[in-house]
Amino acid sequence: MSAQQLVVTGIATQEGARVSGVVTGSNVVDIGDLCTCCGCNTAPGTGMWVNRIPSGAESADGEWELDGYMCAECQTDTCALCGHETLDWSMHAHHGVVCDDCAGKETEA
C-alpha cells in the first residue's frame, strides 16, 4: 500500500514565480530541484546544478515553507566594500555583505 501524496500548485516563490510541489510536513512543500527564490530549474543537466545550495524559504504569501534549492544567481550579492557582485561572500558585523576577497584583506590589515 503506497501513501498518497498531496500535491499543491501555484505557490509563489519569494520573487513571485509559480511552482508546484509535494506537501511533506506541516505547511512544508518539497519543490524538488526548483529555486526557492526565482523558481528556475537547478536539476543536473540544466547548467544551474553546480552552484546550487539546499534552501528552505517562505512562500510569498507566508503560507508555505518551500524546500528546494537556491540557484547561483539568487545567492549572488553585492560586496559592501568593493561593490562587485559575488557568489562567495559572508556577513560582516560592521559592513554587512563582504566578498571573500575583501574579507581576506581585512584580516591581513
PDB file of N, CA and C in Angstrom:
ATOM      1  N   MET A   1       0.841  -1.180   0.000  1.00  0.00           N
ATOM      2  CA  MET A   1       0.000   0.000   0.000  1.00  0.00           C
ATOM      3  C   MET A   1       0.884   1.241   0.000  1.00  0.00           C
ATOM      4  N   SER A   2       0.709   2.102  -0.965  1.00  0.00           N
ATOM      5  CA  SER A   2       1.520   3.314  -1.047  1.00  0.00           C
ATOM      6  C   SER A   2       0.767   4.494  -0.440  1.00  0.00           C
ATOM      7  N   ALA A   3       1.532   5.357   0.172  1.00  0.00           N
ATOM      8  CA  ALA A   3       0.934   6.548   0.775  1.00  0.00           C
ATOM      9  C   ALA A   3       0.575   7.546  -0.313  1.00  0.00           C
ATOM     10  N   GLN A   4      -0.542   8.197  -0.139  1.00  0.00           N
ATOM     11  CA  GLN A   4      -0.933   9.226  -1.095  1.00  0.00           C
ATOM     12  C   GLN A   4      -0.159  10.496  -0.799  1.00  0.00           C
ATOM     13  N   GLN A   5       0.187  11.214  -1.842  1.00  0.00           N
ATOM     14  CA  GLN A   5       0.910  12.466  -1.693  1.00  0.00           C
ATOM     15  C   GLN A   5      -0.007  13.614  -2.088  1.00  0.00           C
ATOM     16  N   LEU A   6       0.010  14.644  -1.275  1.00  0.00           N
ATOM     17  CA  LEU A   6      -0.758  15.842  -1.578  1.00  0.00           C
ATOM     18  C   LEU A   6       0.124  16.786  -2.380  1.00  0.00           C
ATOM     19  N   VAL A   7      -0.305  17.093  -3.594  1.00  0.00           N
ATOM     20  CA  VAL A   7       0.436  17.998  -4.473  1.00  0.00           C
ATOM     21  C   VAL A   7      -0.279  19.341  -4.485  1.00  0.00           C
ATOM     22  N   VAL A   8       0.485  20.409  -4.274  1.00  0.00           N
ATOM     23  CA  VAL A   8      -0.085  21.751  -4.353  1.00  0.00           C
ATOM     24  C   VAL A   8       0.539  22.470  -5.547  1.00  0.00           C
ATOM     25  N   THR A   9      -0.237  23.310  -6.198  1.00  0.00           N
ATOM     26  CA  THR A   9       0.234  24.030  -7.379  1.00  0.00           C
ATOM     27  C   THR A   9       0.024  25.526  -7.199  1.00  0.00           C
ATOM     28  N   GLY A  10       0.775  26.294  -7.964  1.00  0.00           N
ATOM     29  CA  GLY A  10       0.575  27.738  -7.990  1.00  0.00           C
ATOM     30  C   GLY A  10       1.093  28.484  -6.777  1.00  0.00           C
ATOM     31  N   ILE A  11       2.046  27.904  -6.049  1.00  0.00           N
ATOM     32  CA  ILE A  11       2.632  28.598  -4.896  1.00  0.00           C
ATOM     33  C   ILE A  11       3.640  29.612  -5.417  1.00  0.00           C
ATOM     34  N   ALA A  12       3.587  30.827  -4.904  1.00  0.00           N
ATOM     35  CA  ALA A  12       4.516  31.877  -5.353  1.00  0.00           C
ATOM     36  C   ALA A  12       5.797  31.841  -4.525  1.00  0.00           C
ATOM     37  N   THR A  13       6.949  31.802  -5.238  1.00  0.00           N
ATOM     38  CA  THR A  13       8.240  31.895  -4.560  1.00  0.00           C
ATOM     39  C   THR A  13       8.442  33.329  -4.074  1.00  0.00           C
ATOM     40  N   GLN A  14       9.588  33.581  -3.452  1.00  0.00           N
ATOM     41  CA  GLN A  14       9.884  34.918  -2.946  1.00  0.00           C
ATOM     42  C   GLN A  14       9.842  35.985  -4.037  1.00  0.00           C
ATOM     43  N   GLU A  15      10.221  35.617  -5.263  1.00  0.00           N
ATOM     44  CA  GLU A  15      10.205  36.571  -6.378  1.00  0.00           C
ATOM     45  C   GLU A  15       8.936  36.465  -7.222  1.00  0.00           C
ATOM     46  N   GLY A  16       7.980  35.639  -6.789  1.00  0.00           N
ATOM     47  CA  GLY A  16       6.693  35.569  -7.468  1.00  0.00           C
ATOM     48  C   GLY A  16       6.537  34.499  -8.518  1.00  0.00           C
ATOM     49  N   ALA A  17       7.564  33.673  -8.763  1.00  0.00           N
ATOM     50  CA  ALA A  17       7.426  32.574  -9.716  1.00  0.00           C
ATOM     51  C   ALA A  17       6.445  31.554  -9.150  1.00  0.00           C
ATOM     52  N   ARG A  18       5.638  30.962  -9.994  1.00  0.00           N
ATOM     53  CA  ARG A  18       4.653  29.969  -9.566  1.00  0.00           C
ATOM     54  C   ARG A  18       5.256  28.574  -9.671  1.00  0.00           C
ATOM     55  N   VAL A  19       5.226  27.813  -8.572  1.00  0.00           N
ATOM     56  CA  VAL A  19       5.799  26.470  -8.525  1.00  0.00           C
ATOM     57  C   VAL A  19       4.781  25.496  -7.945  1.00  0.00           C
ATOM     58  N   SER A  20       5.064  24.217  -8.127  1.00  0.00           N
ATOM     59  CA  SER A  20       4.250  23.144  -7.568  1.00  0.00           C
ATOM     60  C   SER A  20       5.156  22.228  -6.771  1.00  0.00           C
ATOM     61  N   GLY A  21       4.574  21.507  -5.837  1.00  0.00           N
ATOM     62  CA  GLY A  21       5.370  20.579  -5.061  1.00  0.00           C
ATOM     63  C   GLY A  21       4.516  19.645  -4.239  1.00  0.00           C
ATOM     64  N   VAL A  22       5.185  18.775  -3.506  1.00  0.00           N
ATOM     65  CA  VAL A  22       4.545  17.763  -2.685  1.00  0.00           C
ATOM     66  C   VAL A  22       4.624  18.194  -1.227  1.00  0.00           C
ATOM     67  N   VAL A  23       3.507  18.166  -0.540  1.00  0.00           N
ATOM     68  CA  VAL A  23       3.477  18.510   0.884  1.00  0.00           C
ATOM     69  C   VAL A  23       4.165  17.386   1.650  1.00  0.00           C
ATOM     70  N   THR A  24       5.200  17.740   2.421  1.00  0.00           N
ATOM     71  CA  THR A  24       5.973  16.736   3.161  1.00  0.00           C
ATOM     72  C   THR A  24       5.805  16.863   4.666  1.00  0.00           C
ATOM     73  N   GLY A  25       5.208  17.921   5.111  1.00  0.00           N
ATOM     74  CA  GLY A  25       5.015  18.132   6.545  1.00  0.00           C
ATOM     75  C   GLY A  25       4.042  19.275   6.739  1.00  0.00           C
ATOM     76  N   SER A  26       3.940  19.719   7.953  1.00  0.00           N
ATOM     77  CA  SER A  26       3.030  20.810   8.266  1.00  0.00           C
ATOM     78  C   SER A  26       3.446  22.077   7.522  1.00  0.00           C
ATOM     79  N   ASN A  27       2.731  22.408   6.461  1.00  0.00           N
ATOM     80  CA  ASN A  27       2.979  23.594   5.633  1.00  0.00           C
ATOM     81  C   ASN A  27       4.349  23.594   4.955  1.00  0.00           C
ATOM     82  N   VAL A  28       4.981  22.429   4.800  1.00  0.00           N
ATOM     83  CA  VAL A  28       6.261  22.315   4.090  1.00  0.00           C
ATOM     84  C   VAL A  28       5.995  21.661   2.742  1.00  0.00           C
ATOM     85  N   VAL A  29       6.479  22.307   1.676  1.00  0.00           N
ATOM     86  CA  VAL A  29       6.282  21.793   0.318  1.00  0.00           C
ATOM     87  C   VAL A  29       7.640  21.567  -0.336  1.00  0.00           C
ATOM     88  N   ASP A  30       7.899  20.328  -0.728  1.00  0.00           N
ATOM     89  CA  ASP A  30       9.125  19.978  -1.434  1.00  0.00           C
ATOM     90  C   ASP A  30       8.924  20.325  -2.905  1.00  0.00           C
ATOM     91  N   ILE A  31       9.688  21.312  -3.389  1.00  0.00           N
ATOM     92  CA  ILE A  31       9.567  21.732  -4.791  1.00  0.00           C
ATOM     93  C   ILE A  31      10.674  21.128  -5.651  1.00  0.00           C
ATOM     94  N   GLY A  32      11.346  20.118  -5.107  1.00  0.00           N
ATOM     95  CA  GLY A  32      12.356  19.381  -5.874  1.00  0.00           C
ATOM     96  C   GLY A  32      13.567  20.219  -6.213  1.00  0.00           C
ATOM     97  N   ASP A  33      13.922  20.256  -7.498  1.00  0.00           N
ATOM     98  CA  ASP A  33      15.120  20.945  -7.963  1.00  0.00           C
ATOM     99  C   ASP A  33      14.893  22.422  -8.285  1.00  0.00           C
ATOM    100  N   LEU A  34      13.733  22.952  -7.970  1.00  0.00           N
ATOM    101  CA  LEU A  34      13.443  24.354  -8.293  1.00  0.00           C
ATOM    102  C   LEU A  34      14.057  25.291  -7.258  1.00  0.00           C
ATOM    103  N   CYS A  35      14.409  26.493  -7.708  1.00  0.00           N
ATOM    104  CA  CYS A  35      14.957  27.526  -6.829  1.00  0.00           C
ATOM    105  C   CYS A  35      13.830  28.086  -5.963  1.00  0.00           C
ATOM    106  N   THR A  36      14.067  28.150  -4.646  1.00  0.00           N
ATOM    107  CA  THR A  36      13.060  28.661  -3.724  1.00  0.00           C
ATOM    108  C   THR A  36      12.867  30.163  -3.856  1.00  0.00           C
ATOM    109  N   CYS A  37      13.761  30.825  -4.552  1.00  0.00           N
ATOM    110  CA  CYS A  37      13.668  32.283  -4.725  1.00  0.00           C
ATOM    111  C   CYS A  37      13.029  32.642  -6.068  1.00  0.00           C
ATOM    112  N   CYS A  38      13.632  32.187  -7.176  1.00  0.00           N
ATOM    113  CA  CYS A  38      13.148  32.596  -8.503  1.00  0.00           C
ATOM    114  C   CYS A  38      12.366  31.511  -9.241  1.00  0.00           C
ATOM    115  N   GLY A  39      12.434  30.258  -8.756  1.00  0.00           N
ATOM    116  CA  GLY A  39      11.679  29.176  -9.376  1.00  0.00           C
ATOM    117  C   GLY A  39      12.361  28.491 -10.548  1.00  0.00           C
ATOM    118  N   CYS A  40      13.601  28.882 -10.897  1.00  0.00           N
ATOM    119  CA  CYS A  40      14.276  28.245 -12.036  1.00  0.00           C
ATOM    120  C   CYS A  40      14.661  26.808 -11.684  1.00  0.00           C
ATOM    121  N   ASN A  41      14.849  25.994 -12.707  1.00  0.00           N
ATOM    122  CA  ASN A  41      15.203  24.597 -12.531  1.00  0.00           C
ATOM    123  C   ASN A  41      16.707  24.472 -12.315  1.00  0.00           C
ATOM    124  N   THR A  42      17.116  23.847 -11.198  1.00  0.00           N
ATOM    125  CA  THR A  42      18.538  23.664 -10.897  1.00  0.00           C
ATOM    126  C   THR A  42      18.960  22.208 -11.029  1.00  0.00           C
ATOM    127  N   ALA A  43      18.178  21.394 -11.732  1.00  0.00           N
ATOM    128  CA  ALA A  43      18.460  19.958 -11.871  1.00  0.00           C
ATOM    129  C   ALA A  43      19.741  19.729 -12.674  1.00  0.00           C
ATOM    130  N   PRO A  44      20.392  18.562 -12.471  1.00  0.00           N
ATOM    131  CA  PRO A  44      21.547  18.211 -13.287  1.00  0.00           C
ATOM    132  C   PRO A  44      21.195  18.303 -14.772  1.00  0.00           C
ATOM    133  N   GLY A  45      22.121  18.844 -15.557  1.00  0.00           N
ATOM    134  CA  GLY A  45      21.901  18.982 -16.990  1.00  0.00           C
ATOM    135  C   GLY A  45      21.337  20.329 -17.400  1.00  0.00           C
ATOM    136  N   THR A  46      20.956  21.163 -16.432  1.00  0.00           N
ATOM    137  CA  THR A  46      20.388  22.476 -16.760  1.00  0.00           C
ATOM    138  C   THR A  46      21.447  23.572 -16.799  1.00  0.00           C
ATOM    139  N   GLY A  47      22.651  23.258 -16.314  1.00  0.00           N
ATOM    140  CA  GLY A  47      23.685  24.283 -16.199  1.00  0.00           C
ATOM    141  C   GLY A  47      23.577  25.072 -14.903  1.00  0.00           C
ATOM    142  N   MET A  48      22.562  24.796 -14.107  1.00  0.00           N
ATOM    143  CA  MET A  48      22.344  25.512 -12.846  1.00  0.00           C
ATOM    144  C   MET A  48      22.665  24.633 -11.636  1.00  0.00           C
ATOM    145  N   TRP A  49      23.058  23.393 -11.871  1.00  0.00           N
ATOM    146  CA  TRP A  49      23.229  22.424 -10.797  1.00  0.00           C
ATOM    147  C   TRP A  49      24.496  22.655  -9.976  1.00  0.00           C
ATOM    148  N   VAL A  50      25.588  23.043 -10.606  1.00  0.00           N
ATOM    149  CA  VAL A  50      26.899  23.094  -9.952  1.00  0.00           C
ATOM    150  C   VAL A  50      26.928  24.009  -8.731  1.00  0.00           C
ATOM    151  N   ASN A  51      26.378  25.185  -8.803  1.00  0.00           N
ATOM    152  CA  ASN A  51      26.459  26.146  -7.703  1.00  0.00           C
ATOM    153  C   ASN A  51      25.183  26.264  -6.875  1.00  0.00           C
ATOM    154  N   ARG A  52      24.265  25.350  -7.043  1.00  0.00           N
ATOM    155  CA  ARG A  52      23.040  25.418  -6.244  1.00  0.00           C
ATOM    156  C   ARG A  52      23.340  25.009  -4.806  1.00  0.00           C
ATOM    157  N   ILE A  53      22.533  25.510  -3.867  1.00  0.00           N
ATOM    158  CA  ILE A  53      22.654  25.115  -2.474  1.00  0.00           C
ATOM    159  C   ILE A  53      21.269  24.739  -1.952  1.00  0.00           C
ATOM    160  N   PRO A  54      21.197  23.804  -1.000  1.00  0.00           N
ATOM    161  CA  PRO A  54      19.897  23.493  -0.397  1.00  0.00           C
ATOM    162  C   PRO A  54      19.300  24.745   0.225  1.00  0.00           C
ATOM    163  N   SER A  55      18.000  24.894   0.099  1.00  0.00           N
ATOM    164  CA  SER A  55      17.360  26.113   0.592  1.00  0.00           C
ATOM    165  C   SER A  55      15.952  25.833   1.090  1.00  0.00           C
ATOM    166  N   GLY A  56      15.629  26.457   2.174  1.00  0.00           N
ATOM    167  CA  GLY A  56      14.264  26.485   2.668  1.00  0.00           C
ATOM    168  C   GLY A  56      13.863  27.946   2.743  1.00  0.00           C
ATOM    169  N   ALA A  57      12.737  28.285   2.204  1.00  0.00           N
ATOM    170  CA  ALA A  57      12.309  29.690   2.185  1.00  0.00           C
ATOM    171  C   ALA A  57      10.801  29.760   2.291  1.00  0.00           C
ATOM    172  N   GLU A  58      10.326  30.841   2.838  1.00  0.00           N
ATOM    173  CA  GLU A  58       8.890  31.052   2.961  1.00  0.00           C
ATOM    174  C   GLU A  58       8.310  31.472   1.609  1.00  0.00           C
ATOM    175  N   SER A  59       7.122  30.985   1.299  1.00  0.00           N
ATOM    176  CA  SER A  59       6.454  31.405   0.069  1.00  0.00           C
ATOM    177  C   SER A  59       6.093  32.889   0.181  1.00  0.00           C
ATOM    178  N   ALA A  60       5.791  33.497  -0.950  1.00  0.00           N
ATOM    179  CA  ALA A  60       5.499  34.938  -0.981  1.00  0.00           C
ATOM    180  C   ALA A  60       4.315  35.309  -0.090  1.00  0.00           C
ATOM    181  N   ASP A  61       3.343  34.410   0.024  1.00  0.00           N
ATOM    182  CA  ASP A  61       2.178  34.711   0.865  1.00  0.00           C
ATOM    183  C   ASP A  61       2.375  34.315   2.325  1.00  0.00           C
ATOM    184  N   GLY A  62       3.506  33.681   2.635  1.00  0.00           N
ATOM    185  CA  GLY A  62       3.806  33.287   4.006  1.00  0.00           C
ATOM    186  C   GLY A  62       3.068  32.044   4.475  1.00  0.00           C
ATOM    187  N   GLU A  63       2.316  31.420   3.580  1.00  0.00           N
ATOM    188  CA  GLU A  63       1.520  30.253   3.963  1.00  0.00           C
ATOM    189  C   GLU A  63       2.324  28.956   3.964  1.00  0.00           C
ATOM    190  N   TRP A  64       3.350  28.869   3.105  1.00  0.00           N
ATOM    191  CA  TRP A  64       4.105  27.631   2.930  1.00  0.00           C
ATOM    192  C   TRP A  64       5.590  27.844   3.181  1.00  0.00           C
ATOM    193  N   GLU A  65       6.266  26.806   3.635  1.00  0.00           N
ATOM    194  CA  GLU A  65       7.728  26.755   3.684  1.00  0.00           C
ATOM    195  C   GLU A  65       8.148  25.932   2.484  1.00  0.00           C
ATOM    196  N   LEU A  66       8.920  26.520   1.574  1.00  0.00           N
ATOM    197  CA  LEU A  66       9.363  25.823   0.373  1.00  0.00           C
ATOM    198  C   LEU A  66      10.695  25.140   0.655  1.00  0.00           C
ATOM    199  N   ASP A  67      10.802  23.875   0.267  1.00  0.00           N
ATOM    200  CA  ASP A  67      12.019  23.095   0.439  1.00  0.00           C
ATOM    201  C   ASP A  67      12.537  22.757  -0.947  1.00  0.00           C
ATOM    202  N   GLY A  68      13.687  23.304  -1.300  1.00  0.00           N
ATOM    203  CA  GLY A  68      14.270  23.082  -2.623  1.00  0.00           C
ATOM    204  C   GLY A  68      15.719  23.503  -2.625  1.00  0.00           C
ATOM    205  N   TYR A  69      16.090  24.290  -3.609  1.00  0.00           N
ATOM    206  CA  TYR A  69      17.465  24.758  -3.760  1.00  0.00           C
ATOM    207  C   TYR A  69      17.455  26.236  -4.086  1.00  0.00           C
ATOM    208  N   MET A  70      18.610  26.890  -3.940  1.00  0.00           N
ATOM    209  CA  MET A  70      18.757  28.272  -4.376  1.00  0.00           C
ATOM    210  C   MET A  70      19.821  28.288  -5.473  1.00  0.00           C
ATOM    211  N   CYS A  71      19.485  28.908  -6.613  1.00  0.00           N
ATOM    212  CA  CYS A  71      20.413  28.979  -7.740  1.00  0.00           C
ATOM    213  C   CYS A  71      21.523  29.993  -7.452  1.00  0.00           C
ATOM    214  N   ALA A  72      22.585  29.926  -8.235  1.00  0.00           N
ATOM    215  CA  ALA A  72      23.729  30.809  -8.042  1.00  0.00           C
ATOM    216  C   ALA A  72      23.347  32.282  -8.195  1.00  0.00           C
ATOM    217  N   GLU A  73      22.478  32.588  -9.146  1.00  0.00           N
ATOM    218  CA  GLU A  73      22.088  33.986  -9.362  1.00  0.00           C
ATOM    219  C   GLU A  73      21.400  34.568  -8.124  1.00  0.00           C
ATOM    220  N   CYS A  74      20.545  33.782  -7.495  1.00  0.00           N
ATOM    221  CA  CYS A  74      19.843  34.265  -6.299  1.00  0.00           C
ATOM    222  C   CYS A  74      20.754  34.340  -5.079  1.00  0.00           C
ATOM    223  N   GLN A  75      21.826  33.550  -5.078  1.00  0.00           N
ATOM    224  CA  GLN A  75      22.799  33.592  -3.986  1.00  0.00           C
ATOM    225  C   GLN A  75      23.725  34.794  -4.097  1.00  0.00           C
ATOM    226  N   THR A  76      23.913  35.295  -5.304  1.00  0.00           N
ATOM    227  CA  THR A  76      24.864  36.371  -5.558  1.00  0.00           C
ATOM    228  C   THR A  76      24.406  37.666  -4.895  1.00  0.00           C
ATOM    229  N   ASP A  77      25.366  38.385  -4.318  1.00  0.00           N
ATOM    230  CA  ASP A  77      25.062  39.661  -3.670  1.00  0.00           C
ATOM    231  C   ASP A  77      26.193  40.644  -3.955  1.00  0.00           C
ATOM    232  N   THR A  78      26.007  41.900  -3.605  1.00  0.00           N
ATOM    233  CA  THR A  78      26.996  42.945  -3.845  1.00  0.00           C
ATOM    234  C   THR A  78      27.821  43.175  -2.591  1.00  0.00           C
ATOM    235  N   CYS A  79      29.135  43.172  -2.749  1.00  0.00           N
ATOM    236  CA  CYS A  79      30.048  43.418  -1.633  1.00  0.00           C
ATOM    237  C   CYS A  79      29.922  44.875  -1.186  1.00  0.00           C
ATOM    238  N   ALA A  80      29.761  45.087   0.102  1.00  0.00           N
ATOM    239  CA  ALA A  80      29.621  46.438   0.651  1.00  0.00           C
ATOM    240  C   ALA A  80      30.920  47.230   0.583  1.00  0.00           C
ATOM    241  N   LEU A  81      32.058  46.550   0.448  1.00  0.00           N
ATOM    242  CA  LEU A  81      33.346  47.247   0.434  1.00  0.00           C
ATOM    243  C   LEU A  81      33.833  47.581  -0.970  1.00  0.00           C
ATOM    244  N   CYS A  82      33.785  46.603  -1.897  1.00  0.00           N
ATOM    245  CA  CYS A  82      34.323  46.855  -3.243  1.00  0.00           C
ATOM    246  C   CYS A  82      33.232  47.092  -4.283  1.00  0.00           C
ATOM    247  N   GLY A  83      31.982  46.741  -3.969  1.00  0.00           N
ATOM    248  CA  GLY A  83      30.877  46.975  -4.886  1.00  0.00           C
ATOM    249  C   GLY A  83      30.705  45.935  -5.980  1.00  0.00           C
ATOM    250  N   HIS A  84      31.523  44.883  -5.995  1.00  0.00           N
ATOM    251  CA  HIS A  84      31.414  43.845  -7.015  1.00  0.00           C
ATOM    252  C   HIS A  84      30.375  42.799  -6.632  1.00  0.00           C
ATOM    253  N   GLU A  85      29.713  42.260  -7.659  1.00  0.00           N
ATOM    254  CA  GLU A  85      28.788  41.152  -7.457  1.00  0.00           C
ATOM    255  C   GLU A  85      29.617  39.904  -7.168  1.00  0.00           C
ATOM    256  N   THR A  86      29.193  39.101  -6.182  1.00  0.00           N
ATOM    257  CA  THR A  86      29.957  37.915  -5.828  1.00  0.00           C
ATOM    258  C   THR A  86      29.064  36.790  -5.335  1.00  0.00           C
ATOM    259  N   LEU A  87      29.465  35.575  -5.654  1.00  0.00           N
ATOM    260  CA  LEU A  87      28.803  34.382  -5.161  1.00  0.00           C
ATOM    261  C   LEU A  87      29.436  33.943  -3.839  1.00  0.00           C
ATOM    262  N   ASP A  88      30.692  34.325  -3.627  1.00  0.00           N
ATOM    263  CA  ASP A  88      31.444  33.936  -2.433  1.00  0.00           C
ATOM    264  C   ASP A  88      31.511  35.098  -1.455  1.00  0.00           C
ATOM    265  N   TRP A  89      30.574  35.128  -0.517  1.00  0.00           N
ATOM    266  CA  TRP A  89      30.508  36.232   0.428  1.00  0.00           C
ATOM    267  C   TRP A  89      30.158  35.727   1.822  1.00  0.00           C
ATOM    268  N   SER A  90      30.371  36.599   2.796  1.00  0.00           N
ATOM    269  CA  SER A  90      29.964  36.309   4.172  1.00  0.00           C
ATOM    270  C   SER A  90      29.392  37.593   4.760  1.00  0.00           C
ATOM    271  N   MET A  91      28.708  37.448   5.866  1.00  0.00           N
ATOM    272  CA  MET A  91      28.100  38.598   6.528  1.00  0.00           C
ATOM    273  C   MET A  91      29.092  39.132   7.554  1.00  0.00           C
ATOM    274  N   HIS A  92      29.444  40.406   7.429  1.00  0.00           N
ATOM    275  CA  HIS A  92      30.401  41.061   8.327  1.00  0.00           C
ATOM    276  C   HIS A  92      29.620  41.910   9.324  1.00  0.00           C
ATOM    277  N   ALA A  93      30.026  41.881  10.578  1.00  0.00           N
ATOM    278  CA  ALA A  93      29.304  42.584  11.646  1.00  0.00           C
ATOM    279  C   ALA A  93      29.169  44.083  11.394  1.00  0.00           C
ATOM    280  N   HIS A  94      30.193  44.715  10.832  1.00  0.00           N
ATOM    281  CA  HIS A  94      30.170  46.169  10.659  1.00  0.00           C
ATOM    282  C   HIS A  94      29.778  46.622   9.254  1.00  0.00           C
ATOM    283  N   HIS A  95      30.017  45.778   8.248  1.00  0.00           N
ATOM    284  CA  HIS A  95      29.808  46.195   6.861  1.00  0.00           C
ATOM    285  C   HIS A  95      28.629  45.515   6.172  1.00  0.00           C
ATOM    286  N   GLY A  96      28.176  44.397   6.682  1.00  0.00           N
ATOM    287  CA  GLY A  96      27.140  43.618   6.007  1.00  0.00           C
ATOM    288  C   GLY A  96      27.782  42.609   5.077  1.00  0.00           C
ATOM    289  N   VAL A  97      27.304  42.503   3.843  1.00  0.00           N
ATOM    290  CA  VAL A  97      27.825  41.536   2.878  1.00  0.00           C
ATOM    291  C   VAL A  97      29.218  41.953   2.428  1.00  0.00           C
ATOM    292  N   VAL A  98      30.189  41.032   2.599  1.00  0.00           N
ATOM    293  CA  VAL A  98      31.577  41.284   2.199  1.00  0.00           C
ATOM    294  C   VAL A  98      32.058  40.074   1.401  1.00  0.00           C
ATOM    295  N   CYS A  99      32.607  40.334   0.205  1.00  0.00           N
ATOM    296  CA  CYS A  99      33.107  39.235  -0.620  1.00  0.00           C
ATOM    297  C   CYS A  99      34.324  38.597   0.054  1.00  0.00           C
ATOM    298  N   ASP A 100      34.635  37.358  -0.322  1.00  0.00           N
ATOM    299  CA  ASP A 100      35.752  36.649   0.295  1.00  0.00           C
ATOM    300  C   ASP A 100      37.075  37.371   0.070  1.00  0.00           C
ATOM    301  N   ASP A 101      37.247  38.029  -1.099  1.00  0.00           N
ATOM    302  CA  ASP A 101      38.477  38.767  -1.352  1.00  0.00           C
ATOM    303  C   ASP A 101      38.663  39.911  -0.368  1.00  0.00           C
ATOM    304  N   CYS A 102      37.610  40.691  -0.144  1.00  0.00           N
ATOM    305  CA  CYS A 102      37.695  41.815   0.796  1.00  0.00           C
ATOM    306  C   CYS A 102      37.800  41.339   2.238  1.00  0.00           C
ATOM    307  N   ALA A 103      37.143  40.258   2.583  1.00  0.00           N
ATOM    308  CA  ALA A 103      37.229  39.710   3.934  1.00  0.00           C
ATOM    309  C   ALA A 103      38.645  39.269   4.227  1.00  0.00           C
ATOM    310  N   GLY A 104      39.338  38.703   3.217  1.00  0.00           N
ATOM    311  CA  GLY A 104      40.729  38.296   3.375  1.00  0.00           C
ATOM    312  C   GLY A 104      41.640  39.490   3.589  1.00  0.00           C
ATOM    313  N   LYS A 105      41.358  40.589   2.910  1.00  0.00           N
ATOM    314  CA  LYS A 105      42.177  41.804   3.055  1.00  0.00           C
ATOM    315  C   LYS A 105      42.001  42.413   4.446  1.00  0.00           C
ATOM    316  N   GLU A 106      40.795  42.334   4.998  1.00  0.00           N
ATOM    317  CA  GLU A 106      40.544  42.900   6.325  1.00  0.00           C
ATOM    318  C   GLU A 106      41.308  42.143   7.399  1.00  0.00           C
ATOM    319  N   THR A 107      41.414  40.817   7.260  1.00  0.00           N
ATOM    320  CA  THR A 107      42.119  40.037   8.279  1.00  0.00           C
ATOM    321  C   THR A 107      43.622  40.226   8.180  1.00  0.00           C
ATOM    322  N   GLU A 108      44.120  40.620   6.985  1.00  0.00           N
ATOM    323  CA  GLU A 108      45.567  40.848   6.799  1.00  0.00           C
ATOM    324  C   GLU A 108      45.985  42.186   7.393  1.00  0.00           C
ATOM    325  N   ALA A 109      45.068  43.147   7.420  1.00  0.00           N
ATOM    326  CA  ALA A 109      45.422  44.504   7.866  1.00  0.00           C
ATOM    327  C   ALA A 109      45.564  44.596   9.373  1.00  0.00           C
TER     328      ALA A 109
END
